[in-house]
N, C-alpha and C. Protein backbone atom coordinates (compact mmCIF):
# COMPACT_ATOMS: atom_id res chain seq x y z
N MET A 1 84.81 -199.41 16.35
CA MET A 1 83.66 -199.70 17.20
C MET A 1 83.89 -199.13 18.59
N SER A 2 82.89 -198.41 19.11
CA SER A 2 83.04 -197.74 20.39
C SER A 2 83.18 -198.73 21.53
N ASN A 3 83.95 -198.31 22.55
CA ASN A 3 84.11 -199.14 23.75
C ASN A 3 83.27 -198.59 24.90
N ARG A 4 82.36 -197.64 24.60
CA ARG A 4 81.56 -197.03 25.66
C ARG A 4 80.70 -198.07 26.38
N ALA A 5 80.26 -199.09 25.66
CA ALA A 5 79.43 -200.12 26.29
C ALA A 5 80.18 -200.81 27.43
N TYR A 6 81.48 -201.06 27.23
CA TYR A 6 82.27 -201.66 28.31
C TYR A 6 82.33 -200.73 29.51
N ASP A 7 82.50 -199.42 29.24
CA ASP A 7 82.60 -198.44 30.33
C ASP A 7 81.30 -198.38 31.12
N GLU A 8 80.16 -198.45 30.42
CA GLU A 8 78.87 -198.37 31.12
C GLU A 8 78.70 -199.52 32.11
N LEU A 9 79.28 -200.68 31.79
CA LEU A 9 79.16 -201.85 32.67
C LEU A 9 80.39 -202.05 33.55
N ASN A 10 81.31 -201.07 33.52
CA ASN A 10 82.54 -201.15 34.33
C ASN A 10 83.34 -202.41 34.02
N LEU A 11 83.49 -202.70 32.73
CA LEU A 11 84.20 -203.90 32.30
C LEU A 11 85.46 -203.53 31.53
N LYS A 12 86.41 -204.46 31.54
CA LYS A 12 87.59 -204.32 30.71
C LYS A 12 87.26 -204.74 29.28
N ARG A 13 88.01 -204.21 28.34
CA ARG A 13 87.81 -204.57 26.94
C ARG A 13 88.04 -206.08 26.76
N GLY A 14 87.20 -206.71 25.96
CA GLY A 14 87.36 -208.13 25.72
C GLY A 14 86.77 -209.01 26.79
N ALA A 15 85.88 -208.47 27.64
CA ALA A 15 85.25 -209.28 28.69
C ALA A 15 84.47 -210.43 28.07
N THR A 16 84.38 -211.52 28.81
CA THR A 16 83.66 -212.71 28.32
C THR A 16 82.16 -212.51 28.46
N GLU A 17 81.40 -213.41 27.83
CA GLU A 17 79.94 -213.34 27.91
C GLU A 17 79.47 -213.48 29.34
N ILE A 18 80.09 -214.37 30.10
CA ILE A 18 79.69 -214.56 31.50
C ILE A 18 79.94 -213.29 32.30
N GLU A 19 81.08 -212.62 32.07
CA GLU A 19 81.41 -211.38 32.78
C GLU A 19 80.43 -210.28 32.42
N ILE A 20 80.02 -210.22 31.15
CA ILE A 20 79.07 -209.19 30.71
C ILE A 20 77.73 -209.39 31.40
N ARG A 21 77.25 -210.63 31.44
CA ARG A 21 75.96 -210.91 32.08
C ARG A 21 76.01 -210.58 33.57
N ALA A 22 77.10 -210.96 34.23
CA ALA A 22 77.22 -210.72 35.67
C ALA A 22 77.28 -209.22 35.97
N ALA A 23 78.02 -208.47 35.15
CA ALA A 23 78.13 -207.02 35.36
C ALA A 23 76.78 -206.34 35.18
N PHE A 24 76.04 -206.77 34.16
CA PHE A 24 74.72 -206.17 33.95
C PHE A 24 73.79 -206.47 35.12
N ARG A 25 73.81 -207.69 35.61
CA ARG A 25 72.95 -208.04 36.73
C ARG A 25 73.28 -207.20 37.97
N ARG A 26 74.57 -206.97 38.22
CA ARG A 26 74.97 -206.17 39.38
C ARG A 26 74.42 -204.74 39.26
N LEU A 27 74.62 -204.13 38.08
CA LEU A 27 74.16 -202.75 37.90
C LEU A 27 72.64 -202.66 37.91
N ALA A 28 72.00 -203.64 37.31
CA ALA A 28 70.55 -203.61 37.22
C ALA A 28 69.90 -203.73 38.60
N LYS A 29 70.48 -204.53 39.46
CA LYS A 29 69.93 -204.67 40.81
C LYS A 29 69.98 -203.33 41.56
N GLU A 30 71.01 -202.53 41.26
CA GLU A 30 71.16 -201.24 41.92
C GLU A 30 70.23 -200.17 41.36
N SER A 31 69.92 -200.27 40.04
CA SER A 31 69.27 -199.14 39.37
C SER A 31 67.92 -199.46 38.74
N HIS A 32 67.44 -200.70 38.81
CA HIS A 32 66.18 -201.04 38.15
C HIS A 32 65.05 -200.17 38.70
N PRO A 33 64.22 -199.57 37.82
CA PRO A 33 63.14 -198.67 38.28
C PRO A 33 62.19 -199.30 39.28
N ASP A 34 62.02 -200.61 39.24
CA ASP A 34 61.08 -201.26 40.15
C ASP A 34 61.63 -201.43 41.57
N THR A 35 62.94 -201.33 41.70
CA THR A 35 63.54 -201.60 43.02
C THR A 35 64.45 -200.49 43.52
N SER A 36 64.91 -199.61 42.65
CA SER A 36 65.88 -198.60 43.04
C SER A 36 65.22 -197.41 43.71
N ALA A 37 65.94 -196.80 44.65
CA ALA A 37 65.47 -195.58 45.31
C ALA A 37 66.09 -194.34 44.67
N GLU A 38 66.78 -194.50 43.55
CA GLU A 38 67.48 -193.38 42.92
C GLU A 38 66.58 -192.58 41.99
N GLY A 39 65.34 -193.00 41.81
CA GLY A 39 64.41 -192.25 40.99
C GLY A 39 64.81 -192.20 39.53
N GLN A 40 64.67 -191.01 38.92
CA GLN A 40 64.96 -190.85 37.50
C GLN A 40 66.41 -191.13 37.18
N GLN A 41 67.30 -190.76 38.09
CA GLN A 41 68.72 -191.02 37.88
C GLN A 41 68.99 -192.52 37.78
N GLY A 42 68.32 -193.30 38.63
CA GLY A 42 68.48 -194.75 38.58
C GLY A 42 67.90 -195.32 37.30
N ALA A 43 66.75 -194.78 36.87
CA ALA A 43 66.12 -195.26 35.64
C ALA A 43 67.02 -195.00 34.44
N ASP A 44 67.64 -193.82 34.39
CA ASP A 44 68.56 -193.50 33.29
C ASP A 44 69.77 -194.42 33.32
N LYS A 45 70.27 -194.70 34.50
CA LYS A 45 71.42 -195.59 34.65
C LYS A 45 71.08 -196.99 34.18
N PHE A 46 69.87 -197.44 34.51
CA PHE A 46 69.45 -198.77 34.07
C PHE A 46 69.33 -198.83 32.55
N ARG A 47 68.74 -197.81 31.93
CA ARG A 47 68.59 -197.80 30.47
C ARG A 47 69.95 -197.85 29.78
N ARG A 48 70.91 -197.08 30.31
CA ARG A 48 72.25 -197.10 29.71
C ARG A 48 72.89 -198.47 29.87
N ALA A 49 72.73 -199.07 31.06
CA ALA A 49 73.32 -200.39 31.30
C ALA A 49 72.68 -201.44 30.40
N TYR A 50 71.37 -201.35 30.24
CA TYR A 50 70.68 -202.33 29.40
C TYR A 50 71.08 -202.16 27.93
N GLY A 51 71.22 -200.92 27.49
CA GLY A 51 71.67 -200.68 26.12
C GLY A 51 73.07 -201.21 25.88
N ALA A 52 73.95 -201.01 26.87
CA ALA A 52 75.32 -201.52 26.74
C ALA A 52 75.33 -203.04 26.73
N TYR A 53 74.50 -203.65 27.59
CA TYR A 53 74.40 -205.11 27.63
C TYR A 53 73.93 -205.66 26.29
N ARG A 54 72.89 -205.07 25.71
CA ARG A 54 72.38 -205.52 24.42
C ARG A 54 73.45 -205.40 23.33
N GLU A 55 74.18 -204.29 23.35
CA GLU A 55 75.21 -204.08 22.33
C GLU A 55 76.32 -205.12 22.44
N LEU A 56 76.79 -205.36 23.66
CA LEU A 56 77.88 -206.32 23.83
C LEU A 56 77.43 -207.75 23.54
N MET A 57 76.20 -208.08 23.91
CA MET A 57 75.72 -209.42 23.61
C MET A 57 75.53 -209.61 22.11
N ALA A 58 75.15 -208.54 21.41
CA ALA A 58 75.03 -208.62 19.95
C ALA A 58 76.40 -208.85 19.33
N ARG A 59 77.42 -208.21 19.88
CA ARG A 59 78.79 -208.44 19.38
C ARG A 59 79.19 -209.89 19.61
N MET A 60 78.84 -210.43 20.78
CA MET A 60 79.15 -211.82 21.06
C MET A 60 78.49 -212.74 20.04
N GLY A 61 77.24 -212.46 19.73
CA GLY A 61 76.52 -213.28 18.76
C GLY A 61 77.16 -213.22 17.39
N ALA A 62 77.70 -212.06 17.02
CA ALA A 62 78.34 -211.91 15.71
C ALA A 62 79.61 -212.75 15.61
N LYS A 63 80.19 -213.11 16.76
CA LYS A 63 81.40 -213.92 16.75
C LYS A 63 81.09 -215.41 16.64
N ARG A 64 79.77 -215.76 16.72
CA ARG A 64 79.41 -217.18 16.67
C ARG A 64 78.41 -217.41 15.53
N PRO A 65 78.81 -217.12 14.30
CA PRO A 65 77.85 -217.22 13.19
C PRO A 65 77.34 -218.63 12.95
N ARG A 66 78.05 -219.66 13.41
CA ARG A 66 77.58 -221.03 13.16
C ARG A 66 76.53 -221.47 14.16
N ASP A 67 76.44 -220.78 15.30
CA ASP A 67 75.57 -221.27 16.36
C ASP A 67 74.10 -220.95 16.13
N VAL A 68 73.82 -219.70 15.77
CA VAL A 68 72.44 -219.27 15.69
C VAL A 68 72.17 -218.64 14.34
N ALA A 69 71.15 -219.13 13.66
CA ALA A 69 70.75 -218.57 12.37
C ALA A 69 69.55 -217.65 12.56
N PRO A 70 69.25 -216.78 11.59
CA PRO A 70 68.09 -215.90 11.70
C PRO A 70 66.81 -216.71 11.84
N PRO A 71 65.74 -216.11 12.45
CA PRO A 71 64.49 -216.85 12.63
C PRO A 71 63.88 -217.35 11.33
N ASP A 72 64.17 -216.69 10.21
CA ASP A 72 63.61 -217.12 8.93
C ASP A 72 64.58 -218.01 8.16
N ALA A 73 65.46 -218.71 8.89
CA ALA A 73 66.45 -219.56 8.23
C ALA A 73 65.75 -220.62 7.39
N PRO A 74 66.34 -221.01 6.27
CA PRO A 74 65.71 -222.02 5.41
C PRO A 74 65.71 -223.40 6.06
N GLU A 75 64.98 -224.31 5.45
CA GLU A 75 64.99 -225.67 5.95
C GLU A 75 66.39 -226.26 5.85
N SER A 76 66.66 -227.21 6.72
CA SER A 76 67.97 -227.83 6.72
C SER A 76 68.25 -228.50 5.38
N PRO A 77 69.42 -228.24 4.77
CA PRO A 77 69.75 -228.92 3.52
C PRO A 77 69.94 -230.43 3.71
N THR A 78 70.14 -230.85 4.96
CA THR A 78 70.26 -232.27 5.27
C THR A 78 69.00 -232.72 6.01
N ALA A 79 68.25 -233.64 5.41
CA ALA A 79 67.00 -234.10 6.02
C ALA A 79 67.28 -234.95 7.25
N PHE A 80 66.46 -234.78 8.28
CA PHE A 80 66.63 -235.55 9.51
C PHE A 80 65.30 -235.61 10.24
N VAL A 81 65.23 -236.48 11.22
CA VAL A 81 64.08 -236.53 12.13
C VAL A 81 64.63 -236.58 13.55
N PHE A 82 63.84 -236.07 14.50
CA PHE A 82 64.23 -236.12 15.90
C PHE A 82 63.92 -237.51 16.45
N ASP A 83 64.94 -238.15 16.99
CA ASP A 83 64.77 -239.47 17.61
C ASP A 83 64.33 -239.35 19.07
N GLY A 84 64.71 -238.26 19.70
CA GLY A 84 64.38 -238.09 21.12
C GLY A 84 65.07 -236.87 21.69
N GLN A 85 64.62 -236.47 22.87
CA GLN A 85 65.21 -235.32 23.56
C GLN A 85 65.07 -235.52 25.06
N ARG A 86 66.11 -235.18 25.81
CA ARG A 86 66.09 -235.32 27.26
C ARG A 86 67.01 -234.26 27.88
N LYS A 87 66.82 -234.03 29.17
CA LYS A 87 67.62 -233.03 29.88
C LYS A 87 68.36 -233.68 31.03
N ALA A 88 69.55 -233.15 31.31
CA ALA A 88 70.32 -233.55 32.48
C ALA A 88 70.87 -232.26 33.08
N GLY A 89 70.21 -231.76 34.12
CA GLY A 89 70.57 -230.45 34.63
C GLY A 89 70.19 -229.39 33.60
N LEU A 90 71.15 -228.54 33.25
CA LEU A 90 70.92 -227.52 32.23
C LEU A 90 71.29 -228.00 30.83
N ASP A 91 71.92 -229.16 30.73
CA ASP A 91 72.30 -229.69 29.42
C ASP A 91 71.10 -230.38 28.77
N VAL A 92 70.95 -230.18 27.47
CA VAL A 92 69.88 -230.81 26.70
C VAL A 92 70.51 -231.76 25.69
N TYR A 93 70.00 -233.00 25.66
CA TYR A 93 70.51 -234.02 24.74
C TYR A 93 69.46 -234.29 23.67
N VAL A 94 69.86 -234.20 22.41
CA VAL A 94 68.96 -234.41 21.29
C VAL A 94 69.53 -235.52 20.41
N ASP A 95 68.67 -236.45 20.01
CA ASP A 95 69.08 -237.54 19.11
C ASP A 95 68.44 -237.29 17.74
N LEU A 96 69.28 -237.37 16.70
CA LEU A 96 68.80 -237.17 15.33
C LEU A 96 69.06 -238.42 14.50
N ALA A 97 68.13 -238.74 13.61
CA ALA A 97 68.33 -239.80 12.61
C ALA A 97 68.36 -239.12 11.25
N LEU A 98 69.39 -239.41 10.46
CA LEU A 98 69.54 -238.78 9.16
C LEU A 98 70.24 -239.71 8.18
N VAL A 99 69.98 -239.47 6.92
CA VAL A 99 70.67 -240.20 5.86
C VAL A 99 72.04 -239.54 5.66
N ARG A 100 73.09 -240.37 5.59
CA ARG A 100 74.44 -239.81 5.47
C ARG A 100 74.57 -239.08 4.13
N PRO A 101 74.90 -237.79 4.16
CA PRO A 101 75.06 -237.02 2.92
C PRO A 101 76.27 -237.49 2.13
N ASP A 102 76.30 -237.11 0.85
CA ASP A 102 77.43 -237.48 0.00
C ASP A 102 78.69 -236.70 0.39
N ALA A 103 78.52 -235.42 0.79
CA ALA A 103 79.68 -234.58 1.12
C ALA A 103 80.22 -234.96 2.50
N ALA A 104 81.54 -234.75 2.66
CA ALA A 104 82.17 -235.05 3.95
C ALA A 104 81.65 -234.10 5.03
N ASP A 105 81.52 -232.82 4.69
CA ASP A 105 80.97 -231.82 5.61
C ASP A 105 79.56 -231.46 5.14
N PHE A 106 78.64 -231.30 6.06
CA PHE A 106 77.28 -230.94 5.68
C PHE A 106 76.69 -230.02 6.75
N ARG A 107 75.57 -229.39 6.41
CA ARG A 107 74.96 -228.41 7.30
C ARG A 107 73.61 -228.89 7.81
N LEU A 108 73.38 -228.65 9.10
CA LEU A 108 72.09 -228.93 9.73
C LEU A 108 71.50 -227.62 10.21
N VAL A 109 70.22 -227.44 10.03
CA VAL A 109 69.49 -226.29 10.58
C VAL A 109 68.40 -226.84 11.48
N LEU A 110 68.59 -226.69 12.78
CA LEU A 110 67.67 -227.26 13.76
C LEU A 110 66.72 -226.19 14.27
N PRO A 111 65.41 -226.41 14.21
CA PRO A 111 64.49 -225.47 14.87
C PRO A 111 64.72 -225.51 16.37
N TRP A 112 64.85 -224.34 16.98
CA TRP A 112 65.19 -224.30 18.40
C TRP A 112 64.57 -223.09 19.06
N THR A 113 64.52 -223.08 20.36
CA THR A 113 63.98 -221.95 21.11
C THR A 113 65.06 -221.45 22.06
N ALA A 114 65.52 -220.23 21.81
CA ALA A 114 66.52 -219.62 22.67
C ALA A 114 65.82 -218.96 23.86
N HIS A 115 66.52 -218.88 24.99
CA HIS A 115 65.97 -218.27 26.20
C HIS A 115 66.89 -217.12 26.64
N GLU A 116 66.26 -216.00 27.01
CA GLU A 116 66.99 -214.84 27.50
C GLU A 116 66.36 -214.38 28.81
N ALA A 117 67.18 -213.79 29.68
CA ALA A 117 66.65 -213.24 30.93
C ALA A 117 65.65 -212.14 30.62
N CYS A 118 64.55 -212.14 31.33
CA CYS A 118 63.54 -211.09 31.15
C CYS A 118 64.14 -209.74 31.56
N PRO A 119 64.10 -208.73 30.68
CA PRO A 119 64.70 -207.44 31.02
C PRO A 119 63.90 -206.68 32.07
N ARG A 120 62.64 -207.07 32.28
CA ARG A 120 61.82 -206.36 33.27
C ARG A 120 62.19 -206.77 34.68
N CYS A 121 62.32 -208.07 34.93
CA CYS A 121 62.60 -208.56 36.29
C CYS A 121 64.02 -209.06 36.46
N LEU A 122 64.82 -209.04 35.37
CA LEU A 122 66.23 -209.46 35.41
C LEU A 122 66.38 -210.92 35.84
N GLY A 123 65.41 -211.73 35.43
CA GLY A 123 65.52 -213.15 35.72
C GLY A 123 64.98 -213.57 37.06
N ARG A 124 64.49 -212.62 37.87
CA ARG A 124 63.98 -212.98 39.20
C ARG A 124 62.57 -213.54 39.15
N GLY A 125 61.81 -213.18 38.12
CA GLY A 125 60.43 -213.65 38.03
C GLY A 125 59.46 -212.81 38.82
N GLN A 126 59.96 -211.78 39.54
CA GLN A 126 59.09 -210.93 40.34
C GLN A 126 59.43 -209.46 40.15
N THR A 127 58.42 -208.61 40.26
CA THR A 127 58.60 -207.17 40.31
C THR A 127 57.80 -206.65 41.51
N LEU A 128 57.93 -205.37 41.79
CA LEU A 128 57.18 -204.78 42.89
C LEU A 128 55.94 -204.08 42.35
N GLY A 129 54.80 -204.34 42.99
CA GLY A 129 53.54 -203.71 42.60
C GLY A 129 52.88 -203.06 43.79
N ARG A 130 52.15 -201.98 43.56
CA ARG A 130 51.45 -201.29 44.65
C ARG A 130 50.37 -202.19 45.25
N LEU A 131 50.16 -202.04 46.55
CA LEU A 131 49.09 -202.77 47.22
C LEU A 131 47.72 -202.31 46.74
N GLY A 132 47.62 -201.07 46.33
CA GLY A 132 46.37 -200.51 45.82
C GLY A 132 46.66 -199.28 44.99
N PRO A 133 45.64 -198.77 44.27
CA PRO A 133 45.87 -197.61 43.38
C PRO A 133 46.43 -196.40 44.10
N ASP A 134 46.01 -196.19 45.35
CA ASP A 134 46.45 -195.01 46.10
C ASP A 134 47.47 -195.34 47.18
N SER A 135 47.95 -196.57 47.19
CA SER A 135 48.86 -197.00 48.25
C SER A 135 50.29 -196.62 47.92
N SER A 136 51.05 -196.33 48.95
CA SER A 136 52.48 -196.07 48.79
C SER A 136 53.31 -197.29 49.18
N LEU A 137 52.61 -198.39 49.47
CA LEU A 137 53.29 -199.63 49.84
C LEU A 137 53.35 -200.56 48.64
N TYR A 138 54.44 -201.32 48.58
CA TYR A 138 54.65 -202.23 47.46
C TYR A 138 54.82 -203.65 47.99
N ARG A 139 54.52 -204.62 47.13
CA ARG A 139 54.75 -206.02 47.48
C ARG A 139 55.22 -206.75 46.22
N PRO A 140 55.96 -207.84 46.39
CA PRO A 140 56.40 -208.61 45.21
C PRO A 140 55.20 -209.23 44.51
N GLN A 141 55.28 -209.26 43.19
CA GLN A 141 54.24 -209.90 42.39
C GLN A 141 54.88 -210.53 41.16
N PRO A 142 54.23 -211.51 40.54
CA PRO A 142 54.80 -212.12 39.34
C PRO A 142 55.06 -211.06 38.27
N CYS A 143 56.19 -211.17 37.62
CA CYS A 143 56.55 -210.21 36.58
C CYS A 143 55.51 -210.27 35.45
N PRO A 144 54.94 -209.13 35.06
CA PRO A 144 53.94 -209.16 33.98
C PRO A 144 54.54 -209.44 32.61
N ARG A 145 55.86 -209.23 32.47
CA ARG A 145 56.49 -209.44 31.15
C ARG A 145 56.71 -210.93 30.88
N CYS A 146 57.19 -211.66 31.89
CA CYS A 146 57.52 -213.08 31.68
C CYS A 146 56.59 -214.01 32.45
N GLN A 147 55.55 -213.44 33.11
CA GLN A 147 54.59 -214.22 33.89
C GLN A 147 55.28 -215.05 34.98
N GLY A 148 56.33 -214.49 35.55
CA GLY A 148 57.00 -215.13 36.68
C GLY A 148 58.04 -216.16 36.33
N ARG A 149 58.28 -216.39 35.03
CA ARG A 149 59.26 -217.42 34.64
C ARG A 149 60.69 -216.93 34.78
N GLY A 150 60.91 -215.64 34.64
CA GLY A 150 62.26 -215.10 34.73
C GLY A 150 62.98 -215.06 33.41
N SER A 151 62.41 -215.70 32.37
CA SER A 151 63.06 -215.72 31.06
C SER A 151 62.01 -215.60 29.97
N LEU A 152 62.46 -215.20 28.78
CA LEU A 152 61.59 -215.08 27.62
C LEU A 152 62.07 -216.04 26.55
N GLU A 153 61.14 -216.64 25.83
CA GLU A 153 61.48 -217.58 24.78
C GLU A 153 61.56 -216.86 23.44
N ASN A 154 62.55 -217.22 22.65
CA ASN A 154 62.74 -216.63 21.33
C ASN A 154 62.90 -217.74 20.30
N PRO A 155 61.82 -218.09 19.59
CA PRO A 155 61.93 -219.15 18.56
C PRO A 155 63.00 -218.79 17.54
N SER A 156 63.87 -219.73 17.27
CA SER A 156 65.00 -219.44 16.40
C SER A 156 65.42 -220.73 15.70
N HIS A 157 66.64 -220.73 15.20
CA HIS A 157 67.22 -221.91 14.57
C HIS A 157 68.69 -221.99 14.97
N LEU A 158 69.19 -223.19 15.00
CA LEU A 158 70.62 -223.42 15.19
C LEU A 158 71.16 -223.96 13.87
N SER A 159 72.10 -223.24 13.29
CA SER A 159 72.70 -223.66 12.03
C SER A 159 74.11 -224.16 12.31
N VAL A 160 74.34 -225.43 12.02
CA VAL A 160 75.61 -226.07 12.39
C VAL A 160 76.22 -226.76 11.17
N THR A 161 77.48 -226.52 10.93
CA THR A 161 78.22 -227.25 9.92
C THR A 161 78.87 -228.46 10.58
N VAL A 162 78.43 -229.64 10.18
CA VAL A 162 78.94 -230.89 10.76
C VAL A 162 80.11 -231.37 9.91
N THR A 163 81.28 -231.43 10.52
CA THR A 163 82.47 -231.87 9.79
C THR A 163 82.53 -233.39 9.76
N ALA A 164 83.43 -233.90 8.92
CA ALA A 164 83.59 -235.35 8.83
C ALA A 164 83.99 -235.94 10.17
N GLU A 165 84.82 -235.23 10.93
CA GLU A 165 85.25 -235.72 12.24
C GLU A 165 84.07 -235.79 13.21
N MET A 166 83.22 -234.75 13.20
CA MET A 166 82.04 -234.73 14.07
C MET A 166 81.09 -235.87 13.70
N ALA A 167 80.93 -236.09 12.39
CA ALA A 167 80.04 -237.17 11.94
C ALA A 167 80.58 -238.53 12.35
N GLN A 168 81.90 -238.68 12.30
CA GLN A 168 82.51 -239.96 12.68
C GLN A 168 82.33 -240.22 14.18
N ARG A 169 82.44 -239.17 14.98
CA ARG A 169 82.21 -239.33 16.42
C ARG A 169 80.74 -239.62 16.71
N GLY A 170 79.86 -239.09 15.85
CA GLY A 170 78.43 -239.29 16.06
C GLY A 170 77.84 -238.39 17.11
N ARG A 171 78.54 -237.35 17.49
CA ARG A 171 78.05 -236.44 18.54
C ARG A 171 78.82 -235.13 18.47
N PHE A 172 78.12 -234.04 18.75
CA PHE A 172 78.81 -232.75 18.89
C PHE A 172 78.07 -231.92 19.92
N ARG A 173 78.74 -230.90 20.42
CA ARG A 173 78.22 -230.07 21.52
C ARG A 173 78.19 -228.61 21.09
N LEU A 174 77.08 -227.94 21.39
CA LEU A 174 76.95 -226.51 21.16
C LEU A 174 76.92 -225.82 22.52
N ARG A 175 77.97 -225.09 22.83
CA ARG A 175 78.09 -224.43 24.13
C ARG A 175 77.03 -223.34 24.30
N GLY A 176 76.37 -223.37 25.46
CA GLY A 176 75.43 -222.32 25.81
C GLY A 176 74.09 -222.38 25.11
N ALA A 177 73.82 -223.45 24.36
CA ALA A 177 72.55 -223.55 23.62
C ALA A 177 71.54 -224.45 24.31
N GLY A 178 71.84 -224.90 25.53
CA GLY A 178 70.93 -225.79 26.24
C GLY A 178 69.95 -225.06 27.12
N GLY A 179 69.74 -225.57 28.34
CA GLY A 179 68.81 -224.95 29.27
C GLY A 179 69.37 -223.66 29.83
N TYR A 180 68.51 -222.91 30.52
CA TYR A 180 68.90 -221.60 31.03
C TYR A 180 68.34 -221.42 32.43
N LEU A 181 69.19 -220.97 33.35
CA LEU A 181 68.79 -220.69 34.73
C LEU A 181 68.86 -219.18 34.93
N PRO A 182 67.72 -218.46 34.81
CA PRO A 182 67.76 -217.00 34.85
C PRO A 182 68.34 -216.43 36.14
N SER A 183 68.01 -217.04 37.27
CA SER A 183 68.44 -216.47 38.55
C SER A 183 69.95 -216.41 38.69
N GLN A 184 70.67 -217.29 37.99
CA GLN A 184 72.13 -217.30 38.06
C GLN A 184 72.79 -216.98 36.72
N ALA A 185 71.98 -216.65 35.72
CA ALA A 185 72.48 -216.37 34.37
C ALA A 185 73.41 -217.48 33.89
N ARG A 186 73.02 -218.72 34.18
CA ARG A 186 73.80 -219.88 33.76
C ARG A 186 73.13 -220.57 32.60
N ARG A 187 73.95 -221.07 31.67
CA ARG A 187 73.44 -221.76 30.50
C ARG A 187 74.08 -223.14 30.39
N GLY A 188 73.26 -224.09 29.97
CA GLY A 188 73.77 -225.42 29.70
C GLY A 188 74.14 -225.56 28.23
N ASP A 189 74.55 -226.75 27.85
CA ASP A 189 74.95 -227.02 26.48
C ASP A 189 73.90 -227.89 25.78
N LEU A 190 73.94 -227.85 24.47
CA LEU A 190 73.11 -228.73 23.66
C LEU A 190 74.02 -229.80 23.07
N ILE A 191 73.74 -231.06 23.37
CA ILE A 191 74.54 -232.18 22.88
C ILE A 191 73.70 -232.94 21.86
N VAL A 192 74.19 -232.99 20.64
CA VAL A 192 73.44 -233.61 19.54
C VAL A 192 74.11 -234.93 19.17
N SER A 193 73.34 -236.02 19.18
CA SER A 193 73.83 -237.33 18.75
C SER A 193 73.26 -237.64 17.38
N LEU A 194 74.09 -238.19 16.50
CA LEU A 194 73.70 -238.49 15.13
C LEU A 194 73.60 -240.00 14.92
N ARG A 195 72.52 -240.43 14.29
CA ARG A 195 72.35 -241.83 13.92
C ARG A 195 72.04 -241.88 12.43
N PHE A 196 72.94 -242.46 11.66
CA PHE A 196 72.79 -242.50 10.20
C PHE A 196 71.95 -243.72 9.81
N VAL A 197 70.97 -243.47 8.95
CA VAL A 197 70.04 -244.53 8.53
C VAL A 197 69.99 -244.57 7.00
N ASP A 198 69.42 -245.65 6.47
CA ASP A 198 69.32 -245.81 5.00
C ASP A 198 68.22 -244.91 4.42
N GLY A 199 67.19 -244.65 5.19
CA GLY A 199 66.09 -243.82 4.69
C GLY A 199 65.26 -243.29 5.81
N LEU A 200 64.51 -242.19 5.56
CA LEU A 200 63.66 -241.57 6.55
C LEU A 200 62.20 -241.88 6.25
N PRO A 201 61.34 -241.76 7.25
CA PRO A 201 59.90 -241.98 7.02
C PRO A 201 59.37 -241.04 5.95
N LYS A 202 58.31 -241.42 5.28
CA LYS A 202 57.73 -240.59 4.24
C LYS A 202 57.30 -239.25 4.81
N GLY A 203 57.51 -238.21 4.02
CA GLY A 203 57.16 -236.85 4.47
C GLY A 203 58.34 -236.10 5.02
N HIS A 204 59.52 -236.73 5.08
CA HIS A 204 60.73 -236.07 5.56
C HIS A 204 61.77 -236.01 4.46
C-alpha cells in the first residue's frame, strides 16, 4: 500500500486519526479554492490533500470493523428497544432494553447517524461568495453544501459484538461515535447502557 497519502499531508507513517484530521485542516486552510490566493495551484494542492485525507481515513475505518457496518446492514440479530438518549458535551448516552440472549457473546446492530466535516467549508460553516455577479468583492456566507452546519450527516449502522464481560457490566463505550464538533475536529464517545428484560413490547 502506497505511503504517498502520508507525504501529501506531511505526516509520518502510522499517524493517528487525530493527527490526520489536523494535518488536513492545516493544508486545507492554506489551499482551499474559496479562500486561497494561490489560484489553480492551490486548487490542485487542495484536491491532492483531500484525496490523501479520504484514503487515510478509509484505512482507519478498515481497522475498526466492529464499529461501523455498511448502510445496508441487516437488522440486529438481538432484538432491543431504545429506552432513552441524552448528551453530555460531545458524549452521547443511549439506554437499551433487550432480552438476554442464550449465547454469552452476542451482536447488536444499532441504526446511527455518523457526522463528517463538510469538505466544502472544512467544518467552518461558511464560504466566500461574491457581493454581486460582476463584483470582485467577497463576503462570508453560509456554506451551500452543509447549510452552515459545518458537518454532513451520513445515516449508517453501528455493529457491535457484546462480550459476556460487557453484558455483565451493563455498559460499553464506542470511541469517536458520539457528537462531533466540526470547528475543532473533535469527536465524543457513544456510551451504551444495557437493561435486560423478560420480554419486549409487541412488534419488536
